[in-house]
Amino acid sequence: MPEDRFEDLVDELVGCPGVTPPRGGSGFGRSALRWEKKIFAMFVRGRLVVKLPASRVDALVAGGDGVRFDANKGHNHESLRARLRT
């Protein structure tokens, strides 16, 4: 299940310096992993979303590994909604 894989990612990274776990609750970013208070990964609508340089997002989209993340404000060129492989 994608949720389980995201939880594994959270468990692995939350012990790293500067990384804080999702805060829960409601609103944007409730499922987000943060590094120094900035979102770098989150689980949204059943998909992993990661913040990456725009050029890396372009390459991953071109390779079919995900689509640009849209938070209902238009596509974010530095966020990728990844296709997780099992």
PDB file of N, CA and C in Angstrom:
ATOM      1  N   MET A   1       0.838  -1.183   0.000  1.00  0.00           N
ATOM      2  CA  MET A   1       0.000   0.000   0.000  1.00  0.00           C
ATOM      3  C   MET A   1       0.888   1.252   0.000  1.00  0.00           C
ATOM      4  N   PRO A   2       0.543   2.235  -0.797  1.00  0.00           N
ATOM      5  CA  PRO A   2       1.339   3.472  -0.823  1.00  0.00           C
ATOM      6  C   PRO A   2       1.449   4.151   0.540  1.00  0.00           C
ATOM      7  N   GLU A   3       0.379   4.117   1.336  1.00  0.00           N
ATOM      8  CA  GLU A   3       0.413   4.751   2.660  1.00  0.00           C
ATOM      9  C   GLU A   3       1.494   4.126   3.532  1.00  0.00           C
ATOM     10  N   ASP A   4       1.601   2.787   3.449  1.00  0.00           N
ATOM     11  CA  ASP A   4       2.612   2.081   4.236  1.00  0.00           C
ATOM     12  C   ASP A   4       4.022   2.454   3.799  1.00  0.00           C
ATOM     13  N   ARG A   5       4.213   2.587   2.505  1.00  0.00           N
ATOM     14  CA  ARG A   5       5.539   2.963   2.000  1.00  0.00           C
ATOM     15  C   ARG A   5       5.909   4.372   2.440  1.00  0.00           C
ATOM     16  N   PHE A   6       4.915   5.278   2.461  1.00  0.00           N
ATOM     17  CA  PHE A   6       5.194   6.637   2.933  1.00  0.00           C
ATOM     18  C   PHE A   6       5.532   6.611   4.417  1.00  0.00           C
ATOM     19  N   GLU A   7       4.809   5.822   5.188  1.00  0.00           N
ATOM     20  CA  GLU A   7       5.102   5.707   6.622  1.00  0.00           C
ATOM     21  C   GLU A   7       6.512   5.163   6.850  1.00  0.00           C
ATOM     22  N   ASP A   8       6.937   4.213   6.015  1.00  0.00           N
ATOM     23  CA  ASP A   8       8.313   3.699   6.106  1.00  0.00           C
ATOM     24  C   ASP A   8       9.316   4.819   5.833  1.00  0.00           C
ATOM     25  N   LEU A   9       9.021   5.659   4.844  1.00  0.00           N
ATOM     26  CA  LEU A   9       9.891   6.796   4.526  1.00  0.00           C
ATOM     27  C   LEU A   9       9.957   7.757   5.705  1.00  0.00           C
ATOM     28  N   VAL A  10       8.811   8.057   6.303  1.00  0.00           N
ATOM     29  CA  VAL A  10       8.765   8.934   7.480  1.00  0.00           C
ATOM     30  C   VAL A  10       9.611   8.350   8.596  1.00  0.00           C
ATOM     31  N   ASP A  11       9.405   7.058   8.893  1.00  0.00           N
ATOM     32  CA  ASP A  11      10.152   6.403   9.968  1.00  0.00           C
ATOM     33  C   ASP A  11      11.656   6.462   9.732  1.00  0.00           C
ATOM     34  N   GLU A  12      12.069   6.296   8.472  1.00  0.00           N
ATOM     35  CA  GLU A  12      13.492   6.302   8.155  1.00  0.00           C
ATOM     36  C   GLU A  12      14.112   7.694   8.270  1.00  0.00           C
ATOM     37  N   LEU A  13      13.380   8.723   7.869  1.00  0.00           N
ATOM     38  CA  LEU A  13      13.962  10.058   7.791  1.00  0.00           C
ATOM     39  C   LEU A  13      13.779  10.912   9.040  1.00  0.00           C
ATOM     40  N   VAL A  14      12.801  10.583   9.874  1.00  0.00           N
ATOM     41  CA  VAL A  14      12.476  11.461  10.990  1.00  0.00           C
ATOM     42  C   VAL A  14      13.618  11.573  12.009  1.00  0.00           C
ATOM     43  N   GLY A  15      14.529  10.649  12.036  1.00  0.00           N
ATOM     44  CA  GLY A  15      15.662  10.730  12.950  1.00  0.00           C
ATOM     45  C   GLY A  15      16.818  11.570  12.425  1.00  0.00           C
ATOM     46  N   CYS A  16      16.731  12.019  11.188  1.00  0.00           N
ATOM     47  CA  CYS A  16      17.801  12.811  10.587  1.00  0.00           C
ATOM     48  C   CYS A  16      17.753  14.248  11.116  1.00  0.00           C
ATOM     49  N   PRO A  17      18.919  14.876  11.287  1.00  0.00           N
ATOM     50  CA  PRO A  17      18.948  16.258  11.779  1.00  0.00           C
ATOM     51  C   PRO A  17      18.113  17.195  10.918  1.00  0.00           C
ATOM     52  N   GLY A  18      17.275  17.999  11.556  1.00  0.00           N
ATOM     53  CA  GLY A  18      16.469  18.993  10.870  1.00  0.00           C
ATOM     54  C   GLY A  18      15.153  18.493  10.308  1.00  0.00           C
ATOM     55  N   VAL A  19      14.922  17.171  10.323  1.00  0.00           N
ATOM     56  CA  VAL A  19      13.708  16.599   9.745  1.00  0.00           C
ATOM     57  C   VAL A  19      12.636  16.467  10.822  1.00  0.00           C
ATOM     58  N   THR A  20      11.438  16.950  10.505  1.00  0.00           N
ATOM     59  CA  THR A  20      10.314  16.812  11.426  1.00  0.00           C
ATOM     60  C   THR A  20       9.205  16.029  10.740  1.00  0.00           C
ATOM     61  N   PRO A  21       8.465  15.234  11.516  1.00  0.00           N
ATOM     62  CA  PRO A  21       7.417  14.382  10.947  1.00  0.00           C
ATOM     63  C   PRO A  21       6.173  15.191  10.593  1.00  0.00           C
ATOM     64  N   PRO A  22       5.265  14.566   9.848  1.00  0.00           N
ATOM     65  CA  PRO A  22       3.989  15.221   9.558  1.00  0.00           C
ATOM     66  C   PRO A  22       3.292  15.609  10.852  1.00  0.00           C
ATOM     67  N   ARG A  23       2.617  16.752  10.826  1.00  0.00           N
ATOM     68  CA  ARG A  23       1.979  17.248  12.040  1.00  0.00           C
ATOM     69  C   ARG A  23       0.540  16.784  12.189  1.00  0.00           C
ATOM     70  N   GLY A  24      -0.035  16.224  11.120  1.00  0.00           N
ATOM     71  CA  GLY A  24      -1.414  15.782  11.179  1.00  0.00           C
ATOM     72  C   GLY A  24      -2.369  16.959  11.170  1.00  0.00           C
ATOM     73  N   GLY A  25      -3.581  16.717  11.604  1.00  0.00           N
ATOM     74  CA  GLY A  25      -4.579  17.777  11.621  1.00  0.00           C
ATOM     75  C   GLY A  25      -5.200  17.963  10.261  1.00  0.00           C
ATOM     76  N   SER A  26      -5.553  19.198   9.954  1.00  0.00           N
ATOM     77  CA  SER A  26      -6.181  19.485   8.669  1.00  0.00           C
ATOM     78  C   SER A  26      -5.418  20.599   7.962  1.00  0.00           C
ATOM     79  N   GLY A  27      -5.671  20.721   6.686  1.00  0.00           N
ATOM     80  CA  GLY A  27      -5.040  21.775   5.902  1.00  0.00           C
ATOM     81  C   GLY A  27      -3.847  21.282   5.110  1.00  0.00           C
ATOM     82  N   PHE A  28      -3.387  22.154   4.219  1.00  0.00           N
ATOM     83  CA  PHE A  28      -2.258  21.813   3.354  1.00  0.00           C
ATOM     84  C   PHE A  28      -1.020  21.530   4.189  1.00  0.00           C
ATOM     85  N   GLY A  29      -0.297  20.484   3.831  1.00  0.00           N
ATOM     86  CA  GLY A  29       0.943  20.150   4.503  1.00  0.00           C
ATOM     87  C   GLY A  29       0.795  19.278   5.735  1.00  0.00           C
ATOM     88  N   ARG A  30      -0.406  18.841   6.035  1.00  0.00           N
ATOM     89  CA  ARG A  30      -0.615  18.033   7.244  1.00  0.00           C
ATOM     90  C   ARG A  30       0.117  16.692   7.180  1.00  0.00           C
ATOM     91  N   SER A  31       0.379  16.198   5.964  1.00  0.00           N
ATOM     92  CA  SER A  31       1.070  14.917   5.815  1.00  0.00           C
ATOM     93  C   SER A  31       2.525  15.107   5.397  1.00  0.00           C
ATOM     94  N   ALA A  32       3.059  16.317   5.578  1.00  0.00           N
ATOM     95  CA  ALA A  32       4.370  16.659   5.015  1.00  0.00           C
ATOM     96  C   ALA A  32       5.534  16.382   5.956  1.00  0.00           C
ATOM     97  N   LEU A  33       6.587  15.839   5.375  1.00  0.00           N
ATOM     98  CA  LEU A  33       7.892  15.788   6.032  1.00  0.00           C
ATOM     99  C   LEU A  33       8.558  17.126   5.768  1.00  0.00           C
ATOM    100  N   ARG A  34       9.192  17.666   6.788  1.00  0.00           N
ATOM    101  CA  ARG A  34       9.856  18.966   6.637  1.00  0.00           C
ATOM    102  C   ARG A  34      11.327  18.845   7.019  1.00  0.00           C
ATOM    103  N   TRP A  35      12.134  19.640   6.343  1.00  0.00           N
ATOM    104  CA  TRP A  35      13.538  19.803   6.702  1.00  0.00           C
ATOM    105  C   TRP A  35      13.731  21.283   6.984  1.00  0.00           C
ATOM    106  N   GLU A  36      14.127  21.564   8.189  1.00  0.00           N
ATOM    107  CA  GLU A  36      14.285  22.948   8.635  1.00  0.00           C
ATOM    108  C   GLU A  36      13.038  23.772   8.316  1.00  0.00           C
ATOM    109  N   LYS A  37      11.881  23.204   8.631  1.00  0.00           N
ATOM    110  CA  LYS A  37      10.549  23.828   8.516  1.00  0.00           C
ATOM    111  C   LYS A  37      10.037  23.977   7.088  1.00  0.00           C
ATOM    112  N   LYS A  38      10.748  23.432   6.116  1.00  0.00           N
ATOM    113  CA  LYS A  38      10.312  23.522   4.721  1.00  0.00           C
ATOM    114  C   LYS A  38       9.898  22.136   4.230  1.00  0.00           C
ATOM    115  N   ILE A  39       8.742  22.076   3.586  1.00  0.00           N
ATOM    116  CA  ILE A  39       8.219  20.803   3.070  1.00  0.00           C
ATOM    117  C   ILE A  39       9.150  20.263   1.987  1.00  0.00           C
ATOM    118  N   PHE A  40       9.479  18.952   2.107  1.00  0.00           N
ATOM    119  CA  PHE A  40      10.236  18.319   1.030  1.00  0.00           C
ATOM    120  C   PHE A  40       9.578  17.036   0.528  1.00  0.00           C
ATOM    121  N   ALA A  41       8.638  16.482   1.280  1.00  0.00           N
ATOM    122  CA  ALA A  41       7.904  15.301   0.838  1.00  0.00           C
ATOM    123  C   ALA A  41       6.580  15.244   1.582  1.00  0.00           C
ATOM    124  N   MET A  42       5.532  14.790   0.883  1.00  0.00           N
ATOM    125  CA  MET A  42       4.236  14.641   1.529  1.00  0.00           C
ATOM    126  C   MET A  42       3.416  13.611   0.773  1.00  0.00           C
ATOM    127  N   PHE A  43       2.385  13.143   1.428  1.00  0.00           N
ATOM    128  CA  PHE A  43       1.489  12.153   0.850  1.00  0.00           C
ATOM    129  C   PHE A  43       0.153  12.837   0.599  1.00  0.00           C
ATOM    130  N   VAL A  44      -0.209  12.974  -0.681  1.00  0.00           N
ATOM    131  CA  VAL A  44      -1.407  13.721  -1.067  1.00  0.00           C
ATOM    132  C   VAL A  44      -2.233  12.892  -2.045  1.00  0.00           C
ATOM    133  N   ARG A  45      -3.507  12.732  -1.714  1.00  0.00           N
ATOM    134  CA  ARG A  45      -4.427  12.005  -2.597  1.00  0.00           C
ATOM    135  C   ARG A  45      -3.852  10.662  -3.044  1.00  0.00           C
ATOM    136  N   GLY A  46      -3.245   9.944  -2.100  1.00  0.00           N
ATOM    137  CA  GLY A  46      -2.726   8.610  -2.391  1.00  0.00           C
ATOM    138  C   GLY A  46      -1.418   8.563  -3.136  1.00  0.00           C
ATOM    139  N   ARG A  47      -0.728   9.704  -3.251  1.00  0.00           N
ATOM    140  CA  ARG A  47       0.528   9.757  -3.996  1.00  0.00           C
ATOM    141  C   ARG A  47       1.607  10.467  -3.209  1.00  0.00           C
ATOM    142  N   LEU A  48       2.843  10.038  -3.407  1.00  0.00           N
ATOM    143  CA  LEU A  48       4.007  10.716  -2.844  1.00  0.00           C
ATOM    144  C   LEU A  48       4.283  11.960  -3.673  1.00  0.00           C
ATOM    145  N   VAL A  49       4.448  13.099  -3.007  1.00  0.00           N
ATOM    146  CA  VAL A  49       4.822  14.351  -3.662  1.00  0.00           C
ATOM    147  C   VAL A  49       6.159  14.774  -3.077  1.00  0.00           C
ATOM    148  N   VAL A  50       7.129  15.060  -3.939  1.00  0.00           N
ATOM    149  CA  VAL A  50       8.453  15.469  -3.481  1.00  0.00           C
ATOM    150  C   VAL A  50       8.849  16.789  -4.124  1.00  0.00           C
ATOM    151  N   LYS A  51       9.585  17.585  -3.370  1.00  0.00           N
ATOM    152  CA  LYS A  51      10.099  18.866  -3.867  1.00  0.00           C
ATOM    153  C   LYS A  51      11.485  18.604  -4.436  1.00  0.00           C
ATOM    154  N   LEU A  52      11.673  18.948  -5.681  1.00  0.00           N
ATOM    155  CA  LEU A  52      12.931  18.722  -6.394  1.00  0.00           C
ATOM    156  C   LEU A  52      13.228  19.938  -7.263  1.00  0.00           C
ATOM    157  N   PRO A  53      14.471  20.067  -7.713  1.00  0.00           N
ATOM    158  CA  PRO A  53      14.769  21.132  -8.675  1.00  0.00           C
ATOM    159  C   PRO A  53      13.911  20.951  -9.937  1.00  0.00           C
ATOM    160  N   ALA A  54      13.501  22.058 -10.533  1.00  0.00           N
ATOM    161  CA  ALA A  54      12.624  22.010 -11.702  1.00  0.00           C
ATOM    162  C   ALA A  54      13.196  21.137 -12.816  1.00  0.00           C
ATOM    163  N   SER A  55      14.510  21.178 -13.027  1.00  0.00           N
ATOM    164  CA  SER A  55      15.114  20.369 -14.097  1.00  0.00           C
ATOM    165  C   SER A  55      14.962  18.877 -13.821  1.00  0.00           C
ATOM    166  N   ARG A  56      15.032  18.482 -12.563  1.00  0.00           N
ATOM    167  CA  ARG A  56      14.860  17.066 -12.200  1.00  0.00           C
ATOM    168  C   ARG A  56      13.397  16.652 -12.374  1.00  0.00           C
ATOM    169  N   VAL A  57      12.474  17.534 -11.996  1.00  0.00           N
ATOM    170  CA  VAL A  57      11.050  17.259 -12.213  1.00  0.00           C
ATOM    171  C   VAL A  57      10.794  17.082 -13.711  1.00  0.00           C
ATOM    172  N   ASP A  58      11.342  17.968 -14.530  1.00  0.00           N
ATOM    173  CA  ASP A  58      11.174  17.864 -15.984  1.00  0.00           C
ATOM    174  C   ASP A  58      11.636  16.504 -16.493  1.00  0.00           C
ATOM    175  N   ALA A  59      12.807  16.054 -16.028  1.00  0.00           N
ATOM    176  CA  ALA A  59      13.363  14.779 -16.479  1.00  0.00           C
ATOM    177  C   ALA A  59      12.493  13.606 -16.034  1.00  0.00           C
ATOM    178  N   LEU A  60      12.019  13.628 -14.795  1.00  0.00           N
ATOM    179  CA  LEU A  60      11.182  12.539 -14.297  1.00  0.00           C
ATOM    180  C   LEU A  60       9.830  12.500 -15.008  1.00  0.00           C
ATOM    181  N   VAL A  61       9.258  13.662 -15.273  1.00  0.00           N
ATOM    182  CA  VAL A  61       7.996  13.717 -16.013  1.00  0.00           C
ATOM    183  C   VAL A  61       8.207  13.178 -17.425  1.00  0.00           C
ATOM    184  N   ALA A  62       9.278  13.602 -18.068  1.00  0.00           N
ATOM    185  CA  ALA A  62       9.574  13.134 -19.429  1.00  0.00           C
ATOM    186  C   ALA A  62       9.786  11.626 -19.470  1.00  0.00           C
ATOM    187  N   GLY A  63      10.339  11.060 -18.389  1.00  0.00           N
ATOM    188  CA  GLY A  63      10.573   9.622 -18.322  1.00  0.00           C
ATOM    189  C   GLY A  63       9.361   8.818 -17.868  1.00  0.00           C
ATOM    190  N   GLY A  64       8.257   9.499 -17.608  1.00  0.00           N
ATOM    191  CA  GLY A  64       7.046   8.797 -17.206  1.00  0.00           C
ATOM    192  C   GLY A  64       7.013   8.384 -15.745  1.00  0.00           C
ATOM    193  N   ASP A  65       7.888   8.977 -14.931  1.00  0.00           N
ATOM    194  CA  ASP A  65       7.975   8.587 -13.522  1.00  0.00           C
ATOM    195  C   ASP A  65       7.095   9.419 -12.604  1.00  0.00           C
ATOM    196  N   GLY A  66       6.309  10.313 -13.156  1.00  0.00           N
ATOM    197  CA  GLY A  66       5.409  11.121 -12.347  1.00  0.00           C
ATOM    198  C   GLY A  66       4.832  12.256 -13.154  1.00  0.00           C
ATOM    199  N   VAL A  67       4.037  13.068 -12.484  1.00  0.00           N
ATOM    200  CA  VAL A  67       3.444  14.250 -13.093  1.00  0.00           C
ATOM    201  C   VAL A  67       3.682  15.430 -12.169  1.00  0.00           C
ATOM    202  N   ARG A  68       3.621  16.616 -12.713  1.00  0.00           N
ATOM    203  CA  ARG A  68       3.786  17.794 -11.867  1.00  0.00           C
ATOM    204  C   ARG A  68       2.648  17.865 -10.863  1.00  0.00           C
ATOM    205  N   PHE A  69       2.963  18.217  -9.654  1.00  0.00           N
ATOM    206  CA  PHE A  69       1.966  18.321  -8.596  1.00  0.00           C
ATOM    207  C   PHE A  69       1.137  19.579  -8.782  1.00  0.00           C
ATOM    208  N   ASP A  70      -0.159  19.435  -8.639  1.00  0.00           N
ATOM    209  CA  ASP A  70      -1.079  20.559  -8.738  1.00  0.00           C
ATOM    210  C   ASP A  70      -1.866  20.646  -7.441  1.00  0.00           C
ATOM    211  N   ALA A  71      -1.623  21.690  -6.661  1.00  0.00           N
ATOM    212  CA  ALA A  71      -2.327  21.907  -5.396  1.00  0.00           C
ATOM    213  C   ALA A  71      -3.526  22.822  -5.609  1.00  0.00           C
ATOM    214  N   ASN A  72      -4.185  22.655  -6.761  1.00  0.00           N
ATOM    215  CA  ASN A  72      -5.335  23.475  -7.139  1.00  0.00           C
ATOM    216  C   ASN A  72      -4.968  24.949  -7.335  1.00  0.00           C
ATOM    217  N   LYS A  73      -3.690  25.207  -7.586  1.00  0.00           N
ATOM    218  CA  LYS A  73      -3.218  26.567  -7.850  1.00  0.00           C
ATOM    219  C   LYS A  73      -2.392  26.592  -9.135  1.00  0.00           C
ATOM    220  N   GLY A  74      -2.511  25.550  -9.915  1.00  0.00           N
ATOM    221  CA  GLY A  74      -1.670  25.407 -11.096  1.00  0.00           C
ATOM    222  C   GLY A  74      -0.490  24.522 -10.766  1.00  0.00           C
ATOM    223  N   HIS A  75       0.154  24.021 -11.774  1.00  0.00           N
ATOM    224  CA  HIS A  75       1.278  23.108 -11.572  1.00  0.00           C
ATOM    225  C   HIS A  75       2.454  23.810 -10.912  1.00  0.00           C
ATOM    226  N   ASN A  76       3.060  23.127  -9.978  1.00  0.00           N
ATOM    227  CA  ASN A  76       4.275  23.619  -9.329  1.00  0.00           C
ATOM    228  C   ASN A  76       5.445  22.969 -10.056  1.00  0.00           C
ATOM    229  N   HIS A  77       6.308  23.749 -10.642  1.00  0.00           N
ATOM    230  CA  HIS A  77       7.392  23.204 -11.453  1.00  0.00           C
ATOM    231  C   HIS A  77       8.510  22.583 -10.624  1.00  0.00           C
ATOM    232  N   GLU A  78       8.446  22.702  -9.309  1.00  0.00           N
ATOM    233  CA  GLU A  78       9.455  22.092  -8.452  1.00  0.00           C
ATOM    234  C   GLU A  78       8.885  20.973  -7.598  1.00  0.00           C
ATOM    235  N   SER A  79       7.674  20.511  -7.892  1.00  0.00           N
ATOM    236  CA  SER A  79       7.084  19.416  -7.133  1.00  0.00           C
ATOM    237  C   SER A  79       6.593  18.348  -8.090  1.00  0.00           C
ATOM    238  N   LEU A  80       6.869  17.103  -7.731  1.00  0.00           N
ATOM    239  CA  LEU A  80       6.526  15.956  -8.554  1.00  0.00           C
ATOM    240  C   LEU A  80       5.605  15.043  -7.775  1.00  0.00           C
ATOM    241  N   ARG A  81       4.526  14.621  -8.391  1.00  0.00           N
ATOM    242  CA  ARG A  81       3.679  13.576  -7.833  1.00  0.00           C
ATOM    243  C   ARG A  81       4.179  12.273  -8.445  1.00  0.00           C
ATOM    244  N   ALA A  82       4.877  11.495  -7.635  1.00  0.00           N
ATOM    245  CA  ALA A  82       5.610  10.334  -8.140  1.00  0.00           C
ATOM    246  C   ALA A  82       4.717   9.134  -8.398  1.00  0.00           C
ATOM    247  N   ARG A  83       5.121   8.352  -9.357  1.00  0.00           N
ATOM    248  CA  ARG A  83       4.508   7.046  -9.583  1.00  0.00           C
ATOM    249  C   ARG A  83       5.370   6.059  -8.813  1.00  0.00           C
ATOM    250  N   LEU A  84       4.801   5.451  -7.781  1.00  0.00           N
ATOM    251  CA  LEU A  84       5.561   4.505  -6.966  1.00  0.00           C
ATOM    252  C   LEU A  84       5.513   3.134  -7.599  1.00  0.00           C
ATOM    253  N   ARG A  85       6.645   2.506  -7.649  1.00  0.00           N
ATOM    254  CA  ARG A  85       6.733   1.142  -8.172  1.00  0.00           C
ATOM    255  C   ARG A  85       6.777   0.181  -6.999  1.00  0.00           C
ATOM    256  N   THR A  86       6.130  -0.965  -7.170  1.00  0.00           N
ATOM    257  CA  THR A  86       6.138  -1.969  -6.095  1.00  0.00           C
ATOM    258  C   THR A  86       7.261  -2.942  -6.279  1.00  0.00           C
TER     259      THR A  86
END
